PDB file of N, CA and C in Angstrom:
ATOM      1  N   MET A   1     -57.623 -83.130 -50.508  1.00  0.00           N
ATOM      2  CA  MET A   1     -56.832 -81.985 -50.876  1.00  0.00           C
ATOM      3  C   MET A   1     -57.524 -81.135 -51.927  1.00  0.00           C
ATOM      4  N   SER A   2     -58.509 -81.701 -52.613  1.00  0.00           N
ATOM      5  CA  SER A   2     -59.132 -80.969 -53.712  1.00  0.00           C
ATOM      6  C   SER A   2     -59.949 -79.767 -53.252  1.00  0.00           C
ATOM      7  N   ARG A   3     -60.330 -79.695 -51.970  1.00  0.00           N
ATOM      8  CA  ARG A   3     -61.037 -78.497 -51.493  1.00  0.00           C
ATOM      9  C   ARG A   3     -60.136 -77.278 -51.549  1.00  0.00           C
ATOM     10  N   GLN A   4     -58.896 -77.438 -51.132  1.00  0.00           N
ATOM     11  CA  GLN A   4     -57.959 -76.308 -51.116  1.00  0.00           C
ATOM     12  C   GLN A   4     -57.159 -76.189 -52.391  1.00  0.00           C
ATOM     13  N   PHE A   5     -57.010 -77.283 -53.108  1.00  0.00           N
ATOM     14  CA  PHE A   5     -56.222 -77.311 -54.331  1.00  0.00           C
ATOM     15  C   PHE A   5     -57.072 -77.963 -55.418  1.00  0.00           C
ATOM     16  N   PRO A   6     -57.992 -77.201 -56.029  1.00  0.00           N
ATOM     17  CA  PRO A   6     -58.902 -77.772 -57.024  1.00  0.00           C
ATOM     18  C   PRO A   6     -58.163 -78.572 -58.090  1.00  0.00           C
ATOM     19  N   GLY A   7     -58.642 -79.776 -58.328  1.00  0.00           N
ATOM     20  CA  GLY A   7     -58.037 -80.654 -59.305  1.00  0.00           C
ATOM     21  C   GLY A   7     -56.978 -81.579 -58.739  1.00  0.00           C
ATOM     22  N   ALA A   8     -56.579 -81.360 -57.492  1.00  0.00           N
ATOM     23  CA  ALA A   8     -55.543 -82.211 -56.897  1.00  0.00           C
ATOM     24  C   ALA A   8     -56.079 -83.626 -56.708  1.00  0.00           C
ATOM     25  N   ILE A   9     -55.240 -84.585 -57.057  1.00  0.00           N
ATOM     26  CA  ILE A   9     -55.586 -85.997 -56.877  1.00  0.00           C
ATOM     27  C   ILE A   9     -54.415 -86.677 -56.179  1.00  0.00           C
ATOM     28  N   VAL A  10     -54.643 -87.111 -54.951  1.00  0.00           N
ATOM     29  CA  VAL A  10     -53.622 -87.851 -54.213  1.00  0.00           C
ATOM     30  C   VAL A  10     -53.651 -89.289 -54.724  1.00  0.00           C
ATOM     31  N   SER A  11     -52.519 -89.759 -55.207  1.00  0.00           N
ATOM     32  CA  SER A  11     -52.455 -91.114 -55.759  1.00  0.00           C
ATOM     33  C   SER A  11     -51.864 -92.121 -54.791  1.00  0.00           C
ATOM     34  N   GLY A  12     -51.234 -91.637 -53.735  1.00  0.00           N
ATOM     35  CA  GLY A  12     -50.664 -92.555 -52.760  1.00  0.00           C
ATOM     36  C   GLY A  12     -50.201 -91.813 -51.523  1.00  0.00           C
ATOM     37  N   PHE A  13     -49.978 -92.562 -50.466  1.00  0.00           N
ATOM     38  CA  PHE A  13     -49.472 -91.977 -49.231  1.00  0.00           C
ATOM     39  C   PHE A  13     -48.717 -93.047 -48.459  1.00  0.00           C
ATOM     40  N   SER A  14     -47.841 -92.580 -47.582  1.00  0.00           N
ATOM     41  CA  SER A  14     -47.174 -93.485 -46.655  1.00  0.00           C
ATOM     42  C   SER A  14     -47.137 -92.825 -45.292  1.00  0.00           C
ATOM     43  N   ARG A  15     -47.467 -93.602 -44.277  1.00  0.00           N
ATOM     44  CA  ARG A  15     -47.431 -93.108 -42.897  1.00  0.00           C
ATOM     45  C   ARG A  15     -46.040 -93.413 -42.372  1.00  0.00           C
ATOM     46  N   ASN A  16     -45.366 -92.375 -41.886  1.00  0.00           N
ATOM     47  CA  ASN A  16     -44.003 -92.614 -41.454  1.00  0.00           C
ATOM     48  C   ASN A  16     -43.721 -92.248 -40.005  1.00  0.00           C
ATOM     49  N   SER A  17     -44.709 -91.782 -39.286  1.00  0.00           N
ATOM     50  CA  SER A  17     -44.540 -91.601 -37.843  1.00  0.00           C
ATOM     51  C   SER A  17     -45.909 -91.399 -37.223  1.00  0.00           C
ATOM     52  N   GLU A  18     -45.992 -91.687 -35.946  1.00  0.00           N
ATOM     53  CA  GLU A  18     -47.249 -91.470 -35.222  1.00  0.00           C
ATOM     54  C   GLU A  18     -46.933 -91.169 -33.770  1.00  0.00           C
ATOM     55  N   ARG A  19     -47.897 -90.525 -33.125  1.00  0.00           N
ATOM     56  CA  ARG A  19     -47.766 -90.171 -31.720  1.00  0.00           C
ATOM     57  C   ARG A  19     -49.134 -90.343 -31.082  1.00  0.00           C
ATOM     58  N   VAL A  20     -49.144 -90.887 -29.894  1.00  0.00           N
ATOM     59  CA  VAL A  20     -50.402 -91.049 -29.172  1.00  0.00           C
ATOM     60  C   VAL A  20     -50.283 -90.321 -27.846  1.00  0.00           C
ATOM     61  N   GLY A  21     -51.231 -89.447 -27.596  1.00  0.00           N
ATOM     62  CA  GLY A  21     -51.311 -88.685 -26.352  1.00  0.00           C
ATOM     63  C   GLY A  21     -52.776 -88.388 -26.115  1.00  0.00           C
ATOM     64  N   THR A  22     -53.114 -87.117 -25.900  1.00  0.00           N
ATOM     65  CA  THR A  22     -54.516 -86.739 -25.778  1.00  0.00           C
ATOM     66  C   THR A  22     -55.254 -87.086 -27.062  1.00  0.00           C
ATOM     67  N   SER A  23     -54.588 -86.879 -28.170  1.00  0.00           N
ATOM     68  CA  SER A  23     -55.104 -87.312 -29.475  1.00  0.00           C
ATOM     69  C   SER A  23     -54.054 -88.230 -30.082  1.00  0.00           C
ATOM     70  N   ALA A  24     -54.395 -88.792 -31.195  1.00  0.00           N
ATOM     71  CA  ALA A  24     -53.404 -89.540 -31.959  1.00  0.00           C
ATOM     72  C   ALA A  24     -53.074 -88.699 -33.180  1.00  0.00           C
ATOM     73  N   SER A  25     -51.841 -88.721 -33.590  1.00  0.00           N
ATOM     74  CA  SER A  25     -51.465 -87.978 -34.778  1.00  0.00           C
ATOM     75  C   SER A  25     -50.496 -88.815 -35.592  1.00  0.00           C
ATOM     76  N   CYS A  26     -50.598 -88.642 -36.898  1.00  0.00           N
ATOM     77  CA  CYS A  26     -49.763 -89.383 -37.832  1.00  0.00           C
ATOM     78  C   CYS A  26     -49.248 -88.426 -38.895  1.00  0.00           C
ATOM     79  N   ARG A  27     -48.035 -88.662 -39.313  1.00  0.00           N
ATOM     80  CA  ARG A  27     -47.418 -87.881 -40.387  1.00  0.00           C
ATOM     81  C   ARG A  27     -47.506 -88.718 -41.661  1.00  0.00           C
ATOM     82  N   PHE A  28     -48.014 -88.113 -42.719  1.00  0.00           N
ATOM     83  CA  PHE A  28     -48.190 -88.800 -43.994  1.00  0.00           C
ATOM     84  C   PHE A  28     -47.424 -88.078 -45.093  1.00  0.00           C
ATOM     85  N   GLU A  29     -46.675 -88.827 -45.883  1.00  0.00           N
ATOM     86  CA  GLU A  29     -46.068 -88.304 -47.096  1.00  0.00           C
ATOM     87  C   GLU A  29     -47.017 -88.622 -48.240  1.00  0.00           C
ATOM     88  N   LEU A  30     -47.298 -87.629 -49.067  1.00  0.00           N
ATOM     89  CA  LEU A  30     -48.280 -87.770 -50.146  1.00  0.00           C
ATOM     90  C   LEU A  30     -47.601 -87.788 -51.508  1.00  0.00           C
ATOM     91  N   THR A  31     -48.183 -88.543 -52.421  1.00  0.00           N
ATOM     92  CA  THR A  31     -47.804 -88.473 -53.830  1.00  0.00           C
ATOM     93  C   THR A  31     -49.066 -88.114 -54.605  1.00  0.00           C
ATOM     94  N   TYR A  32     -48.888 -87.406 -55.693  1.00  0.00           N
ATOM     95  CA  TYR A  32     -50.016 -86.880 -56.453  1.00  0.00           C
ATOM     96  C   TYR A  32     -50.019 -87.414 -57.879  1.00  0.00           C
ATOM     97  N   ALA A  33     -51.212 -87.715 -58.364  1.00  0.00           N
ATOM     98  CA  ALA A  33     -51.401 -87.949 -59.791  1.00  0.00           C
ATOM     99  C   ALA A  33     -51.534 -86.591 -60.486  1.00  0.00           C
ATOM    100  N   ASN A  34     -52.101 -85.611 -59.727  1.00  0.00           N
ATOM    101  CA  ASN A  34     -52.262 -84.245 -60.221  1.00  0.00           C
ATOM    102  C   ASN A  34     -52.191 -83.333 -59.013  1.00  0.00           C
ATOM    103  N   ARG A  35     -51.330 -82.331 -59.034  1.00  0.00           N
ATOM    104  CA  ARG A  35     -51.184 -81.420 -57.889  1.00  0.00           C
ATOM    105  C   ARG A  35     -52.266 -80.346 -57.858  1.00  0.00           C
ATOM    106  N   GLY A  36     -53.093 -80.276 -58.869  1.00  0.00           N
ATOM    107  CA  GLY A  36     -54.172 -79.302 -58.892  1.00  0.00           C
ATOM    108  C   GLY A  36     -53.680 -77.922 -59.257  1.00  0.00           C
ATOM    109  N   GLU A  37     -54.538 -76.942 -59.003  1.00  0.00           N
ATOM    110  CA  GLU A  37     -54.211 -75.551 -59.318  1.00  0.00           C
ATOM    111  C   GLU A  37     -53.128 -75.058 -58.371  1.00  0.00           C
ATOM    112  N   GLY A  38     -52.147 -74.385 -58.916  1.00  0.00           N
ATOM    113  CA  GLY A  38     -51.021 -73.919 -58.112  1.00  0.00           C
ATOM    114  C   GLY A  38     -50.050 -75.060 -57.889  1.00  0.00           C
ATOM    115  N   ASP A  39     -48.958 -74.742 -57.244  1.00  0.00           N
ATOM    116  CA  ASP A  39     -47.966 -75.780 -57.008  1.00  0.00           C
ATOM    117  C   ASP A  39     -47.630 -75.928 -55.533  1.00  0.00           C
ATOM    118  N   ASP A  40     -48.526 -75.466 -54.666  1.00  0.00           N
ATOM    119  CA  ASP A  40     -48.208 -75.505 -53.244  1.00  0.00           C
ATOM    120  C   ASP A  40     -48.972 -76.577 -52.462  1.00  0.00           C
ATOM    121  N   ALA A  41     -49.520 -77.571 -53.139  1.00  0.00           N
ATOM    122  CA  ALA A  41     -50.129 -78.694 -52.420  1.00  0.00           C
ATOM    123  C   ALA A  41     -49.023 -79.382 -51.625  1.00  0.00           C
ATOM    124  N   PRO A  42     -49.273 -79.716 -50.376  1.00  0.00           N
ATOM    125  CA  PRO A  42     -48.197 -80.218 -49.510  1.00  0.00           C
ATOM    126  C   PRO A  42     -47.742 -81.633 -49.866  1.00  0.00           C
ATOM    127  N   ASN A  43     -46.457 -81.873 -49.673  1.00  0.00           N
ATOM    128  CA  ASN A  43     -45.909 -83.219 -49.834  1.00  0.00           C
ATOM    129  C   ASN A  43     -46.083 -84.047 -48.567  1.00  0.00           C
ATOM    130  N   VAL A  44     -46.240 -83.356 -47.437  1.00  0.00           N
ATOM    131  CA  VAL A  44     -46.363 -84.021 -46.141  1.00  0.00           C
ATOM    132  C   VAL A  44     -47.477 -83.331 -45.355  1.00  0.00           C
ATOM    133  N   VAL A  45     -48.317 -84.113 -44.683  1.00  0.00           N
ATOM    134  CA  VAL A  45     -49.363 -83.567 -43.808  1.00  0.00           C
ATOM    135  C   VAL A  45     -49.325 -84.301 -42.470  1.00  0.00           C
ATOM    136  N   TYR A  46     -49.955 -83.689 -41.507  1.00  0.00           N
ATOM    137  CA  TYR A  46     -50.027 -84.212 -40.152  1.00  0.00           C
ATOM    138  C   TYR A  46     -51.509 -84.349 -39.816  1.00  0.00           C
ATOM    139  N   LEU A  47     -51.988 -85.546 -39.563  1.00  0.00           N
ATOM    140  CA  LEU A  47     -53.396 -85.817 -39.312  1.00  0.00           C
ATOM    141  C   LEU A  47     -53.607 -86.089 -37.834  1.00  0.00           C
ATOM    142  N   LYS A  48     -54.567 -85.380 -37.215  1.00  0.00           N
ATOM    143  CA  LYS A  48     -54.851 -85.535 -35.786  1.00  0.00           C
ATOM    144  C   LYS A  48     -56.305 -85.926 -35.571  1.00  0.00           C
ATOM    145  N   GLY A  49     -56.540 -86.781 -34.572  1.00  0.00           N
ATOM    146  CA  GLY A  49     -57.899 -87.185 -34.231  1.00  0.00           C
ATOM    147  C   GLY A  49     -57.888 -88.155 -33.074  1.00  0.00           C
ATOM    148  N   GLY A  50     -59.056 -88.649 -32.717  1.00  0.00           N
ATOM    149  CA  GLY A  50     -59.193 -89.657 -31.668  1.00  0.00           C
ATOM    150  C   GLY A  50     -59.347 -91.017 -32.313  1.00  0.00           C
ATOM    151  N   PHE A  51     -58.251 -91.664 -32.602  1.00  0.00           N
ATOM    152  CA  PHE A  51     -58.302 -92.880 -33.397  1.00  0.00           C
ATOM    153  C   PHE A  51     -58.421 -94.153 -32.578  1.00  0.00           C
ATOM    154  N   THR A  52     -58.443 -94.018 -31.251  1.00  0.00           N
ATOM    155  CA  THR A  52     -58.740 -95.174 -30.413  1.00  0.00           C
ATOM    156  C   THR A  52     -60.058 -94.900 -29.699  1.00  0.00           C
ATOM    157  N   GLU A  53     -60.750 -95.946 -29.305  1.00  0.00           N
ATOM    158  CA  GLU A  53     -62.030 -95.778 -28.608  1.00  0.00           C
ATOM    159  C   GLU A  53     -61.839 -94.981 -27.322  1.00  0.00           C
ATOM    160  N   GLN A  54     -60.745 -95.237 -26.611  1.00  0.00           N
ATOM    161  CA  GLN A  54     -60.481 -94.527 -25.358  1.00  0.00           C
ATOM    162  C   GLN A  54     -60.300 -93.028 -25.605  1.00  0.00           C
ATOM    163  N   GLN A  55     -59.533 -92.676 -26.605  1.00  0.00           N
ATOM    164  CA  GLN A  55     -59.340 -91.256 -26.915  1.00  0.00           C
ATOM    165  C   GLN A  55     -60.648 -90.594 -27.304  1.00  0.00           C
ATOM    166  N   LEU A  56     -61.408 -91.242 -28.151  1.00  0.00           N
ATOM    167  CA  LEU A  56     -62.660 -90.660 -28.612  1.00  0.00           C
ATOM    168  C   LEU A  56     -63.629 -90.467 -27.452  1.00  0.00           C
ATOM    169  N   ASN A  57     -63.704 -91.433 -26.538  1.00  0.00           N
ATOM    170  CA  ASN A  57     -64.608 -91.325 -25.396  1.00  0.00           C
ATOM    171  C   ASN A  57     -64.154 -90.270 -24.397  1.00  0.00           C
ATOM    172  N   ARG A  58     -62.861 -90.118 -24.196  1.00  0.00           N
ATOM    173  CA  ARG A  58     -62.350 -89.175 -23.203  1.00  0.00           C
ATOM    174  C   ARG A  58     -62.202 -87.754 -23.722  1.00  0.00           C
ATOM    175  N   TYR A  59     -61.793 -87.616 -24.980  1.00  0.00           N
ATOM    176  CA  TYR A  59     -61.372 -86.302 -25.466  1.00  0.00           C
ATOM    177  C   TYR A  59     -62.183 -85.787 -26.646  1.00  0.00           C
ATOM    178  N   TRP A  60     -63.367 -86.340 -26.858  1.00  0.00           N
ATOM    179  CA  TRP A  60     -64.155 -85.959 -28.024  1.00  0.00           C
ATOM    180  C   TRP A  60     -64.385 -84.451 -28.104  1.00  0.00           C
ATOM    181  N   MET A  61     -64.610 -83.802 -26.967  1.00  0.00           N
ATOM    182  CA  MET A  61     -64.895 -82.370 -26.996  1.00  0.00           C
ATOM    183  C   MET A  61     -63.656 -81.574 -27.429  1.00  0.00           C
ATOM    184  N   VAL A  62     -62.490 -81.959 -26.964  1.00  0.00           N
ATOM    185  CA  VAL A  62     -61.253 -81.285 -27.353  1.00  0.00           C
ATOM    186  C   VAL A  62     -60.995 -81.478 -28.849  1.00  0.00           C
ATOM    187  N   LEU A  63     -61.213 -82.704 -29.327  1.00  0.00           N
ATOM    188  CA  LEU A  63     -61.028 -82.986 -30.751  1.00  0.00           C
ATOM    189  C   LEU A  63     -61.977 -82.142 -31.598  1.00  0.00           C
ATOM    190  N   GLN A  64     -63.217 -82.018 -31.143  1.00  0.00           N
ATOM    191  CA  GLN A  64     -64.188 -81.200 -31.866  1.00  0.00           C
ATOM    192  C   GLN A  64     -63.813 -79.720 -31.822  1.00  0.00           C
ATOM    193  N   GLN A  65     -63.345 -79.252 -30.660  1.00  0.00           N
ATOM    194  CA  GLN A  65     -62.974 -77.842 -30.552  1.00  0.00           C
ATOM    195  C   GLN A  65     -61.822 -77.493 -31.483  1.00  0.00           C
ATOM    196  N   GLU A  66     -60.845 -78.391 -31.597  1.00  0.00           N
ATOM    197  CA  GLU A  66     -59.733 -78.124 -32.510  1.00  0.00           C
ATOM    198  C   GLU A  66     -60.221 -78.077 -33.959  1.00  0.00           C
ATOM    199  N   ALA A  67     -61.068 -79.027 -34.336  1.00  0.00           N
ATOM    200  CA  ALA A  67     -61.605 -79.040 -35.697  1.00  0.00           C
ATOM    201  C   ALA A  67     -62.436 -77.783 -35.957  1.00  0.00           C
ATOM    202  N   ARG A  68     -63.236 -77.372 -35.000  1.00  0.00           N
ATOM    203  CA  ARG A  68     -64.042 -76.142 -35.168  1.00  0.00           C
ATOM    204  C   ARG A  68     -63.156 -74.905 -35.263  1.00  0.00           C
ATOM    205  N   PHE A  69     -62.108 -74.868 -34.437  1.00  0.00           N
ATOM    206  CA  PHE A  69     -61.188 -73.726 -34.500  1.00  0.00           C
ATOM    207  C   PHE A  69     -60.616 -73.583 -35.905  1.00  0.00           C
ATOM    208  N   TYR A  70     -60.071 -74.674 -36.441  1.00  0.00           N
ATOM    209  CA  TYR A  70     -59.439 -74.590 -37.759  1.00  0.00           C
ATOM    210  C   TYR A  70     -60.443 -74.356 -38.882  1.00  0.00           C
ATOM    211  N   SER A  71     -61.643 -74.907 -38.770  1.00  0.00           N
ATOM    212  CA  SER A  71     -62.608 -74.738 -39.864  1.00  0.00           C
ATOM    213  C   SER A  71     -63.343 -73.399 -39.810  1.00  0.00           C
ATOM    214  N   ALA A  72     -63.508 -72.821 -38.626  1.00  0.00           N
ATOM    215  CA  ALA A  72     -64.352 -71.630 -38.531  1.00  0.00           C
ATOM    216  C   ALA A  72     -63.663 -70.381 -37.978  1.00  0.00           C
ATOM    217  N   LEU A  73     -62.626 -70.527 -37.175  1.00  0.00           N
ATOM    218  CA  LEU A  73     -62.077 -69.362 -36.482  1.00  0.00           C
ATOM    219  C   LEU A  73     -60.644 -69.004 -36.848  1.00  0.00           C
ATOM    220  N   SER A  74     -59.889 -69.952 -37.338  1.00  0.00           N
ATOM    221  CA  SER A  74     -58.442 -69.747 -37.496  1.00  0.00           C
ATOM    222  C   SER A  74     -58.096 -68.566 -38.403  1.00  0.00           C
ATOM    223  N   HIS A  75     -58.934 -68.287 -39.396  1.00  0.00           N
ATOM    224  CA  HIS A  75     -58.630 -67.181 -40.311  1.00  0.00           C
ATOM    225  C   HIS A  75     -58.690 -65.817 -39.618  1.00  0.00           C
ATOM    226  N   ASP A  76     -59.307 -65.743 -38.420  1.00  0.00           N
ATOM    227  CA  ASP A  76     -59.408 -64.490 -37.677  1.00  0.00           C
ATOM    228  C   ASP A  76     -58.311 -64.312 -36.636  1.00  0.00           C
ATOM    229  N   VAL A  77     -57.447 -65.309 -36.474  1.00  0.00           N
ATOM    230  CA  VAL A  77     -56.404 -65.252 -35.446  1.00  0.00           C
ATOM    231  C   VAL A  77     -55.236 -64.413 -35.969  1.00  0.00           C
ATOM    232  N   PRO A  78     -54.882 -63.341 -35.237  1.00  0.00           N
ATOM    233  CA  PRO A  78     -53.844 -62.431 -35.736  1.00  0.00           C
ATOM    234  C   PRO A  78     -52.424 -62.881 -35.377  1.00  0.00           C
ATOM    235  N   THR A  79     -52.125 -64.142 -35.584  1.00  0.00           N
ATOM    236  CA  THR A  79     -50.785 -64.660 -35.328  1.00  0.00           C
ATOM    237  C   THR A  79     -50.520 -65.831 -36.273  1.00  0.00           C
ATOM    238  N   THR A  80     -49.307 -66.276 -36.319  1.00  0.00           N
ATOM    239  CA  THR A  80     -48.955 -67.391 -37.181  1.00  0.00           C
ATOM    240  C   THR A  80     -49.391 -68.698 -36.539  1.00  0.00           C
ATOM    241  N   ILE A  81     -50.136 -69.485 -37.285  1.00  0.00           N
ATOM    242  CA  ILE A  81     -50.574 -70.803 -36.833  1.00  0.00           C
ATOM    243  C   ILE A  81     -50.308 -71.793 -37.963  1.00  0.00           C
ATOM    244  N   PRO A  82     -50.316 -73.095 -37.669  1.00  0.00           N
ATOM    245  CA  PRO A  82     -50.116 -74.055 -38.758  1.00  0.00           C
ATOM    246  C   PRO A  82     -51.201 -73.919 -39.822  1.00  0.00           C
ATOM    247  N   ARG A  83     -50.812 -74.097 -41.061  1.00  0.00           N
ATOM    248  CA  ARG A  83     -51.777 -74.107 -42.153  1.00  0.00           C
ATOM    249  C   ARG A  83     -52.603 -75.381 -42.033  1.00  0.00           C
ATOM    250  N   HIS A  84     -53.898 -75.254 -42.238  1.00  0.00           N
ATOM    251  CA  HIS A  84     -54.738 -76.457 -42.172  1.00  0.00           C
ATOM    252  C   HIS A  84     -55.324 -76.737 -43.549  1.00  0.00           C
ATOM    253  N   TYR A  85     -55.491 -78.032 -43.824  1.00  0.00           N
ATOM    254  CA  TYR A  85     -56.004 -78.463 -45.119  1.00  0.00           C
ATOM    255  C   TYR A  85     -57.392 -79.076 -45.008  1.00  0.00           C
ATOM    256  N   PHE A  86     -57.745 -79.517 -43.812  1.00  0.00           N
ATOM    257  CA  PHE A  86     -59.049 -80.154 -43.614  1.00  0.00           C
ATOM    258  C   PHE A  86     -59.349 -80.153 -42.118  1.00  0.00           C
ATOM    259  N   ALA A  87     -60.604 -79.920 -41.774  1.00  0.00           N
ATOM    260  CA  ALA A  87     -61.053 -80.014 -40.391  1.00  0.00           C
ATOM    261  C   ALA A  87     -62.553 -80.293 -40.407  1.00  0.00           C
ATOM    262  N   ALA A  88     -62.979 -81.345 -39.712  1.00  0.00           N
ATOM    263  CA  ALA A  88     -64.397 -81.705 -39.707  1.00  0.00           C
ATOM    264  C   ALA A  88     -64.725 -82.562 -38.499  1.00  0.00           C
ATOM    265  N   ILE A  89     -66.026 -82.653 -38.236  1.00  0.00           N
ATOM    266  CA  ILE A  89     -66.561 -83.470 -37.143  1.00  0.00           C
ATOM    267  C   ILE A  89     -67.604 -84.397 -37.747  1.00  0.00           C
ATOM    268  N   ASP A  90     -67.602 -85.661 -37.324  1.00  0.00           N
ATOM    269  CA  ASP A  90     -68.606 -86.592 -37.838  1.00  0.00           C
ATOM    270  C   ASP A  90     -69.661 -86.904 -36.778  1.00  0.00           C
ATOM    271  N   GLU A  91     -70.626 -87.728 -37.137  1.00  0.00           N
ATOM    272  CA  GLU A  91     -71.741 -88.046 -36.234  1.00  0.00           C
ATOM    273  C   GLU A  91     -71.325 -88.900 -35.044  1.00  0.00           C
ATOM    274  N   GLU A  92     -70.136 -89.481 -35.077  1.00  0.00           N
ATOM    275  CA  GLU A  92     -69.634 -90.294 -33.961  1.00  0.00           C
ATOM    276  C   GLU A  92     -68.846 -89.455 -32.959  1.00  0.00           C
ATOM    277  N   LYS A  93     -68.869 -88.134 -33.094  1.00  0.00           N
ATOM    278  CA  LYS A  93     -68.164 -87.184 -32.238  1.00  0.00           C
ATOM    279  C   LYS A  93     -66.697 -87.024 -32.589  1.00  0.00           C
ATOM    280  N   GLN A  94     -66.251 -87.675 -33.648  1.00  0.00           N
ATOM    281  CA  GLN A  94     -64.850 -87.585 -34.042  1.00  0.00           C
ATOM    282  C   GLN A  94     -64.532 -86.212 -34.621  1.00  0.00           C
ATOM    283  N   GLY A  95     -63.447 -85.625 -34.174  1.00  0.00           N
ATOM    284  CA  GLY A  95     -62.928 -84.397 -34.757  1.00  0.00           C
ATOM    285  C   GLY A  95     -61.600 -84.710 -35.426  1.00  0.00           C
ATOM    286  N   ILE A  96     -61.491 -84.414 -36.708  1.00  0.00           N
ATOM    287  CA  ILE A  96     -60.277 -84.687 -37.478  1.00  0.00           C
ATOM    288  C   ILE A  96     -59.711 -83.363 -37.979  1.00  0.00           C
ATOM    289  N   THR A  97     -58.418 -83.220 -37.861  1.00  0.00           N
ATOM    290  CA  THR A  97     -57.747 -82.029 -38.361  1.00  0.00           C
ATOM    291  C   THR A  97     -56.521 -82.460 -39.156  1.00  0.00           C
ATOM    292  N   MET A  98     -56.373 -81.921 -40.368  1.00  0.00           N
ATOM    293  CA  MET A  98     -55.193 -82.180 -41.187  1.00  0.00           C
ATOM    294  C   MET A  98     -54.421 -80.873 -41.306  1.00  0.00           C
ATOM    295  N   LEU A  99     -53.203 -80.888 -40.810  1.00  0.00           N
ATOM    296  CA  LEU A  99     -52.380 -79.688 -40.739  1.00  0.00           C
ATOM    297  C   LEU A  99     -51.092 -79.856 -41.536  1.00  0.00           C
ATOM    298  N   GLU A 100     -50.445 -78.723 -41.764  1.00  0.00           N
ATOM    299  CA  GLU A 100     -49.119 -78.800 -42.358  1.00  0.00           C
ATOM    300  C   GLU A 100     -48.174 -79.467 -41.364  1.00  0.00           C
ATOM    301  N   ASP A 101     -47.165 -80.114 -41.878  1.00  0.00           N
ATOM    302  CA  ASP A 101     -46.122 -80.700 -41.043  1.00  0.00           C
ATOM    303  C   ASP A 101     -45.110 -79.607 -40.737  1.00  0.00           C
ATOM    304  N   LEU A 102     -45.079 -79.144 -39.497  1.00  0.00           N
ATOM    305  CA  LEU A 102     -44.214 -78.024 -39.137  1.00  0.00           C
ATOM    306  C   LEU A 102     -42.737 -78.360 -39.251  1.00  0.00           C
ATOM    307  N   VAL A 103     -42.380 -79.611 -39.080  1.00  0.00           N
ATOM    308  CA  VAL A 103     -40.983 -80.011 -39.224  1.00  0.00           C
ATOM    309  C   VAL A 103     -40.519 -79.772 -40.659  1.00  0.00           C
ATOM    310  N   SER A 104     -41.422 -79.976 -41.628  1.00  0.00           N
ATOM    311  CA  SER A 104     -41.080 -79.729 -43.026  1.00  0.00           C
ATOM    312  C   SER A 104     -40.793 -78.258 -43.289  1.00  0.00           C
ATOM    313  N   ARG A 105     -41.326 -77.392 -42.435  1.00  0.00           N
ATOM    314  CA  ARG A 105     -41.092 -75.947 -42.565  1.00  0.00           C
ATOM    315  C   ARG A 105     -39.918 -75.498 -41.697  1.00  0.00           C
ATOM    316  N   ASN A 106     -39.201 -76.468 -41.112  1.00  0.00           N
ATOM    317  CA  ASN A 106     -38.044 -76.200 -40.248  1.00  0.00           C
ATOM    318  C   ASN A 106     -38.413 -75.473 -38.959  1.00  0.00           C
ATOM    319  N   VAL A 107     -39.636 -75.679 -38.475  1.00  0.00           N
ATOM    320  CA  VAL A 107     -40.028 -75.134 -37.176  1.00  0.00           C
ATOM    321  C   VAL A 107     -39.351 -75.995 -36.117  1.00  0.00           C
ATOM    322  N   ARG A 108     -38.806 -75.372 -35.103  1.00  0.00           N
ATOM    323  CA  ARG A 108     -38.159 -76.117 -34.038  1.00  0.00           C
ATOM    324  C   ARG A 108     -38.978 -76.008 -32.761  1.00  0.00           C
ATOM    325  N   PHE A 109     -38.961 -77.080 -32.017  1.00  0.00           N
ATOM    326  CA  PHE A 109     -39.683 -77.122 -30.753  1.00  0.00           C
ATOM    327  C   PHE A 109     -38.652 -77.256 -29.645  1.00  0.00           C
ATOM    328  N   GLY A 110     -38.909 -76.600 -28.519  1.00  0.00           N
ATOM    329  CA  GLY A 110     -37.952 -76.673 -27.423  1.00  0.00           C
ATOM    330  C   GLY A 110     -38.618 -76.262 -26.127  1.00  0.00           C
ATOM    331  N   PHE A 111     -37.806 -76.087 -25.134  1.00  0.00           N
ATOM    332  CA  PHE A 111     -38.301 -75.697 -23.827  1.00  0.00           C
ATOM    333  C   PHE A 111     -38.346 -74.187 -23.718  1.00  0.00           C
ATOM    334  N   TRP A 112     -39.286 -73.664 -22.964  1.00  0.00           N
ATOM    335  CA  TRP A 112     -39.402 -72.223 -22.776  1.00  0.00           C
ATOM    336  C   TRP A 112     -38.476 -71.797 -21.679  1.00  0.00           C
TER     337      TRP A 112
END
């Protein structure tokens, strides 16, 4: 969190839900020793990636594309998208994205 919130120190977290599909995602509640500059460091984040060998082998390109989108392109998108706090790719082809928890913002999901 310190990249976006200089001085922020996460002192603890708890995972309270997860979903497995094309990627795996987990919702984490965070506690801080220091919230850093400003007061908008999130209390809850949503972490996405290929956390099983099968997901990483099958969907590595999709995981990387999502991480690249959030790290390099999202600021140019002229629409509302989830706020991202971290996005990166490692040497094992893993793409990780940490996003805001939309449920915490009262976003509702439904059928079109």
